[in-house]
């Protein structure tokens, strides 16, 4: 199912091997929990290879992002239903259901600062996540929190269920400590495209256990690495 989506979408040739591995691993786990894509923009193609229940969060240009998501959904297949509940940017959400390769996918879009949303998770993710995905964590709007902060990252990783996944580019789980110390194992690395000045690989981690003090460990790792900005520009 997910692997077939990778084959059906117009990805860059260089990213297909990594995305295929990601889809294979998620498909094998067969977890019935939603995918949270923080800082999603309108990037529907990378979202749909991760699952059928998608939660997108991005405070930047929400109406533009929704128009792009709708356009892509119509290109992939057929939009079945669309509705808005509440006011975007003030706790409201936009729901799009569409068909892709014979399956129905539901996408819920929140126009929020993802770090604030994680402090009080909406009902869709309170019971857990199958995948937490961050591709470009740098804030695009003033006063938006960093997805790479130990506080924000710890809250998201705690929502990931056992055998669930953390997929990232530019938002490392750890820089100095071993992933296993934080309850994760790295299972794949490779190229994933992003609108960014940084030449970072994508990394897929599987959660193997809950770690109560993960925020403290993330702070220690950040301190050992020398600070927040550790990426080297191209």
Protein backbone atom coordinates (compact mmCIF):
# COMPACT_ATOMS: atom_id res chain seq x y z
CA UNK A 1 0.00 0.00 0.00
CA UNK A 2 2.46 2.69 1.18
CA UNK A 3 5.25 1.42 -1.05
CA UNK A 4 2.91 1.61 -4.05
CA UNK A 5 2.32 5.27 -3.22
CA UNK A 6 6.04 5.99 -3.41
CA UNK A 7 6.10 4.42 -6.88
CA UNK A 8 3.03 6.38 -7.99
CA UNK A 9 4.21 9.86 -6.96
CA UNK A 10 6.65 12.18 -8.79
CA UNK A 11 9.46 12.10 -6.24
CA UNK A 12 13.03 13.01 -7.12
CA UNK A 13 14.88 9.91 -8.23
CA UNK A 14 17.47 10.32 -5.46
CA UNK A 15 14.89 10.13 -2.67
CA UNK A 16 12.97 7.07 -3.85
CA UNK A 17 15.25 4.44 -2.17
CA UNK A 18 14.95 6.10 1.26
CA UNK A 19 11.21 6.76 0.96
CA UNK A 20 10.66 3.16 -0.14
CA UNK A 21 12.49 1.94 2.97
CA UNK A 22 10.44 4.30 5.15
CA UNK A 23 7.18 3.07 3.62
CA UNK A 24 8.22 -0.58 4.00
CA UNK A 25 9.03 -0.20 7.69
CA UNK A 26 5.82 1.70 8.51
CA UNK A 27 3.75 -0.79 6.53
CA UNK A 28 5.28 -3.73 8.44
CA UNK A 29 4.36 -2.17 11.79
CA UNK A 30 0.69 -1.91 10.75
CA UNK A 31 -0.13 0.65 13.46
CA UNK A 32 -3.60 2.19 13.57
CA UNK A 33 -2.59 5.64 14.83
CA UNK A 34 -2.37 8.99 13.05
CA UNK A 35 0.69 10.62 11.50
CA UNK A 36 1.66 14.08 12.78
CA UNK A 37 3.55 16.23 10.27
CA UNK A 38 4.81 19.39 11.99
CA UNK A 39 5.71 22.29 9.71
CA UNK A 40 3.98 20.52 6.85
CA UNK A 41 3.17 23.35 4.49
CA UNK A 42 1.39 21.85 1.47
CA UNK A 43 3.69 18.82 1.26
CA UNK A 44 1.02 16.20 0.67
CA UNK A 45 3.22 13.80 -1.27
CA UNK A 46 5.59 13.07 1.63
CA UNK A 47 2.63 12.79 4.00
CA UNK A 48 0.64 10.16 2.12
CA UNK A 49 3.50 7.64 2.06
CA UNK A 50 3.33 7.52 5.89
CA UNK A 51 -0.31 6.55 6.48
CA UNK A 52 -4.03 7.19 5.93
CA UNK A 53 -4.71 9.42 8.94
CA UNK A 54 -2.73 12.62 8.56
CA UNK A 55 -2.51 15.59 10.94
CA UNK A 56 -0.75 18.54 9.31
CA UNK A 57 0.29 21.53 11.43
CA UNK A 58 1.72 24.78 10.07
CA UNK A 59 0.98 28.37 11.06
CA UNK A 60 2.56 29.73 7.85
CA UNK A 61 0.21 30.67 4.95
CA UNK A 62 -2.57 28.21 5.85
CA UNK A 63 -4.96 29.11 3.02
CA UNK A 64 -2.16 28.84 0.47
CA UNK A 65 -1.13 25.49 1.92
CA UNK A 66 -4.69 24.20 1.83
CA UNK A 67 -5.08 25.24 -1.80
CA UNK A 68 -1.88 23.35 -2.61
CA UNK A 69 -3.02 20.27 -0.67
CA UNK A 70 -6.39 20.33 -2.45
CA UNK A 71 -4.73 20.69 -5.86
CA UNK A 72 -2.42 17.75 -5.19
CA UNK A 73 -5.25 15.59 -3.81
CA UNK A 74 -7.22 16.22 -6.99
CA UNK A 75 -4.15 15.30 -9.04
CA UNK A 76 -3.59 12.08 -7.07
CA UNK A 77 -7.23 10.98 -7.11
CA UNK A 78 -10.54 12.49 -6.02
CA UNK A 79 -11.57 14.77 -3.14
CA UNK A 80 -14.57 13.12 -1.45
CA UNK A 81 -15.41 15.52 1.36
CA UNK A 82 -14.14 18.79 2.77
CA UNK A 83 -15.20 20.81 5.80
CA UNK A 84 -13.94 23.37 8.27
CA UNK A 85 -14.58 23.30 12.00
CA UNK A 86 -13.95 26.53 13.91
CA UNK A 87 -11.53 29.28 12.92
CA UNK A 88 -8.09 28.45 11.54
CA UNK A 89 -5.33 29.85 13.70
CA UNK A 90 -7.61 29.87 16.72
CA UNK A 91 -8.01 26.16 17.45
CA UNK A 92 -10.02 25.43 14.31
CA UNK A 93 -9.22 22.73 11.76
CA UNK A 94 -9.80 21.98 8.09
CA UNK A 95 -10.61 18.39 7.12
CA UNK A 96 -10.08 16.95 3.64
CA UNK A 97 -10.93 13.36 2.70
CA UNK A 98 -9.71 12.11 -0.65
CA UNK A 99 -9.19 8.86 -2.51
CA UNK A 100 -5.72 7.75 -3.59
CA UNK A 101 -4.94 4.41 -5.24
CA UNK A 102 -8.26 2.98 -4.10
CA UNK A 103 -7.99 4.05 -0.43
CA UNK A 104 -9.53 6.93 1.49
CA UNK A 105 -7.12 9.27 3.24
CA UNK A 106 -8.20 11.81 5.85
CA UNK A 107 -6.08 14.91 6.38
CA UNK A 108 -6.74 17.35 9.23
CA UNK A 109 -4.96 20.69 8.99
CA UNK A 110 -4.28 22.94 12.01
CA UNK A 111 -2.98 26.46 11.32
CA UNK A 112 -1.10 26.61 14.60
CA UNK A 113 2.38 26.86 16.05
CA UNK A 114 3.13 23.13 16.33
CA UNK A 115 5.08 23.64 19.56
CA UNK A 116 1.99 25.21 21.15
CA UNK A 117 -0.29 22.49 19.78
CA UNK A 118 1.93 19.85 21.41
CA UNK A 119 1.44 21.47 24.81
CA UNK A 120 -2.28 20.67 24.61
CA UNK A 121 -2.64 17.94 21.96
CA UNK A 122 -5.96 17.80 20.07
CA UNK A 123 -8.15 14.74 20.44
CA UNK A 124 -6.88 13.20 17.20
CA UNK A 125 -3.40 12.57 18.62
CA UNK A 126 -3.98 12.18 22.37
CA UNK A 127 -4.04 8.38 22.14
CA UNK A 128 -0.74 8.21 20.28
CA UNK A 129 1.06 8.61 16.97
CA UNK A 130 2.32 6.04 14.50
CA UNK A 131 4.73 8.58 12.97
CA UNK A 132 6.02 12.00 13.98
CA UNK A 133 7.50 13.76 10.95
CA UNK A 134 9.60 16.95 10.86
CA UNK A 135 11.33 17.91 7.62
CA UNK A 136 12.20 21.62 7.97
CA UNK A 137 12.02 22.63 11.65
CA UNK A 138 13.12 26.26 11.32
CA UNK A 139 10.20 28.65 12.13
CA UNK A 140 8.82 30.67 9.20
CA UNK A 141 6.79 33.06 11.34
CA UNK A 142 7.74 35.41 14.21
CA UNK A 143 7.15 34.09 17.72
CA UNK A 144 6.85 30.48 16.53
CA UNK A 145 8.68 27.97 18.71
CA UNK A 146 11.47 25.67 17.58
CA UNK A 147 10.51 22.08 16.78
CA UNK A 148 14.07 21.17 17.70
CA UNK A 149 13.77 22.41 21.29
CA UNK A 150 14.04 19.63 23.91
CA UNK A 151 10.65 20.60 25.35
CA UNK A 152 8.78 20.40 22.04
CA UNK A 153 10.61 17.32 20.75
CA UNK A 154 10.13 15.43 24.01
CA UNK A 155 6.37 16.08 24.00
CA UNK A 156 6.06 14.77 20.44
CA UNK A 157 8.26 11.71 21.00
CA UNK A 158 6.26 10.72 24.07
CA UNK A 159 3.14 10.59 21.87
CA UNK A 160 4.78 8.10 19.50
CA UNK A 161 3.61 4.58 20.40
CA UNK A 162 5.98 1.63 20.86
CA UNK A 163 7.02 0.39 17.40
CA UNK A 164 6.02 3.79 16.00
CA UNK A 165 8.45 6.06 14.18
CA UNK A 166 10.20 9.41 14.22
CA UNK A 167 11.12 10.65 10.73
CA UNK A 168 13.22 13.77 10.47
CA UNK A 169 15.44 15.97 8.37
CA UNK A 170 17.32 18.79 10.14
CA UNK A 171 15.67 17.91 13.45
CA UNK A 172 18.03 15.29 14.92
CA UNK A 173 16.86 13.02 17.68
CA UNK A 174 20.31 13.31 19.20
CA UNK A 175 23.77 14.52 18.24
CA UNK A 176 26.03 12.98 20.89
CA UNK A 177 24.00 10.47 22.92
CA UNK A 178 23.01 7.12 21.42
CA UNK A 179 19.41 6.94 20.16
CA UNK A 180 18.83 3.79 22.24
CA UNK A 181 19.33 5.85 25.40
CA UNK A 182 16.29 7.89 24.38
CA UNK A 183 14.22 4.81 23.57
CA UNK A 184 14.74 4.76 19.79
CA UNK A 185 16.80 2.88 17.24
CA UNK A 186 17.90 4.37 13.91
CA UNK A 187 16.80 2.04 11.12
CA UNK A 188 17.37 4.06 7.93
CA UNK A 189 19.06 7.18 6.56
CA UNK A 190 18.92 8.71 3.12
CA UNK A 191 18.07 11.66 0.93
CA UNK A 192 14.72 13.40 1.26
CA UNK A 193 14.04 16.63 -0.61
CA UNK A 194 13.31 19.88 1.22
CA UNK A 195 13.28 23.60 0.53
CA UNK A 196 16.31 24.31 2.69
CA UNK A 197 19.87 25.62 2.58
CA UNK A 198 21.08 22.62 4.57
CA UNK A 199 22.34 19.39 3.02
CA UNK A 200 21.05 16.99 5.66
CA UNK A 201 20.02 13.38 5.28
CA UNK A 202 16.65 12.16 6.43
CA UNK A 203 16.63 9.70 9.33
CA UNK A 204 14.02 7.16 10.39
CA UNK A 205 13.92 5.95 14.00
CA UNK A 206 11.74 3.25 15.54
CA UNK A 207 10.56 3.67 19.13
CA UNK A 208 11.47 0.62 21.20
CA UNK A 209 10.60 1.81 24.71
CA UNK A 210 9.24 4.75 26.69
CA UNK A 211 11.82 6.89 28.48
CA UNK A 212 10.35 9.08 31.20
CA UNK A 213 13.24 11.57 31.36
CA UNK A 214 13.61 12.03 27.60
CA UNK A 215 13.40 15.84 27.85
CA UNK A 216 16.30 15.93 30.30
CA UNK A 217 18.32 13.64 28.03
CA UNK A 218 17.60 15.87 25.02
CA UNK A 219 18.81 18.87 27.00
CA UNK A 220 22.00 17.02 27.94
CA UNK A 221 22.56 16.03 24.32
CA UNK A 222 22.06 19.62 23.16
CA UNK A 223 24.50 20.87 25.79
CA UNK A 224 27.12 18.27 24.83
CA UNK A 225 26.82 19.18 21.16
CA UNK A 226 27.41 22.86 21.83
CA UNK A 227 24.02 24.43 21.20
CA UNK A 228 20.93 24.65 19.03
CA UNK A 229 22.38 25.42 15.58
CA UNK A 230 24.58 22.51 14.56
CA UNK A 231 23.79 22.24 10.86
CA UNK A 232 26.32 23.21 8.22
CA UNK A 233 25.00 25.16 5.22
CA UNK A 234 25.76 24.05 1.67
